[in-house]
Amino acid sequence: MPEHDTVNAGWPPRDPLLAGVMERVVWRVNRLRCMTPAEIRHRVLRALAMRAERWGLVGSHAIPPPDLAHAFRP
């Protein structure tokens, strides 16, 4: 059965780095299959908003100074 060996050659990957990447891809695909379209949309929009804020495209440019005038009570 040499044909059988050629079909399965390379799976599972022998390279540990490739095997790890494939494991993460399979996990993410399964995770997406468990989500509703509304949850996927919400998560994508939230991730985009976080990246836009991190890159300085949206949000406040000036951070107000802290108000240190009030003393704390023990």
Protein backbone atom coordinates (compact mmCIF):
# COMPACT_ATOMS: atom_id res chain seq x y z
CA MET A 1 0.00 0.00 0.00
CA PRO A 2 2.52 2.65 -0.98
CA GLU A 3 -0.31 4.91 -2.21
CA HIS A 4 -1.64 5.18 1.34
CA ASP A 5 1.76 6.33 2.57
CA THR A 6 1.98 9.10 0.00
CA VAL A 7 -1.48 10.43 0.83
CA ASN A 8 -0.74 10.76 4.55
CA ALA A 9 2.86 11.90 4.13
CA GLY A 10 3.36 15.08 6.09
CA TRP A 11 0.35 14.72 8.37
CA PRO A 12 0.59 15.19 11.26
CA PRO A 13 3.39 17.68 10.61
CA ARG A 14 6.76 16.61 11.91
CA ASP A 15 7.90 20.19 12.45
CA PRO A 16 6.84 21.22 15.99
CA LEU A 17 6.45 24.86 14.96
CA LEU A 18 4.07 23.94 12.12
CA ALA A 19 2.19 21.55 14.39
CA GLY A 20 1.70 24.35 16.93
CA VAL A 21 0.44 26.74 14.27
CA MET A 22 -1.98 24.16 12.93
CA GLU A 23 -3.24 23.44 16.46
CA ARG A 24 -3.96 27.15 17.03
CA VAL A 25 -5.71 27.46 13.66
CA VAL A 26 -7.91 24.45 14.38
CA TRP A 27 -8.73 25.82 17.85
CA ARG A 28 -9.73 29.23 16.43
CA VAL A 29 -11.90 27.68 13.71
CA ASN A 30 -13.68 25.55 16.28
CA ARG A 31 -14.12 28.59 18.55
CA LEU A 32 -15.65 30.58 15.69
CA ARG A 33 -18.01 27.71 14.91
CA CYS A 34 -19.32 27.93 18.49
CA MET A 35 -20.04 31.68 18.26
CA THR A 36 -23.18 33.31 16.97
CA PRO A 37 -22.83 35.87 14.15
CA ALA A 38 -23.74 38.64 16.61
CA GLU A 39 -20.91 37.59 18.96
CA ILE A 40 -18.40 37.45 16.11
CA ARG A 41 -19.46 40.93 14.95
CA HIS A 42 -19.19 42.30 18.51
CA ARG A 43 -15.73 40.81 19.05
CA VAL A 44 -14.42 42.04 15.69
CA LEU A 45 -15.68 45.59 16.30
CA ARG A 46 -14.22 45.59 19.82
CA ALA A 47 -10.83 44.38 18.56
CA LEU A 48 -10.81 47.05 15.83
CA ALA A 49 -11.71 49.76 18.35
CA MET A 50 -8.89 48.69 20.67
CA ARG A 51 -6.36 48.70 17.83
CA ALA A 52 -7.55 52.09 16.56
CA GLU A 53 -7.17 53.55 20.06
CA ARG A 54 -3.73 51.99 20.48
CA TRP A 55 -2.60 53.47 17.15
CA GLY A 56 -3.94 56.89 18.14
CA LEU A 57 -6.64 57.05 15.48
CA VAL A 58 -9.48 57.55 17.99
CA GLY A 59 -9.79 58.56 21.60
CA SER A 60 -8.39 61.35 23.70
CA HIS A 61 -5.02 62.73 22.70
CA ALA A 62 -4.39 64.59 25.97
CA ILE A 63 -4.49 62.82 29.28
CA PRO A 64 -5.58 65.19 32.06
CA PRO A 65 -3.16 65.62 34.96
CA PRO A 66 -4.05 63.86 38.20
CA ASP A 67 -5.91 65.82 40.86
CA LEU A 68 -3.64 65.58 43.89
CA ALA A 69 -5.26 68.43 45.84
CA HIS A 70 -7.53 66.17 47.89
CA ALA A 71 -6.04 64.28 50.81
CA PHE A 72 -7.19 60.77 51.53
CA ARG A 73 -8.69 59.94 54.92
CA PRO A 74 -7.43 56.85 56.70
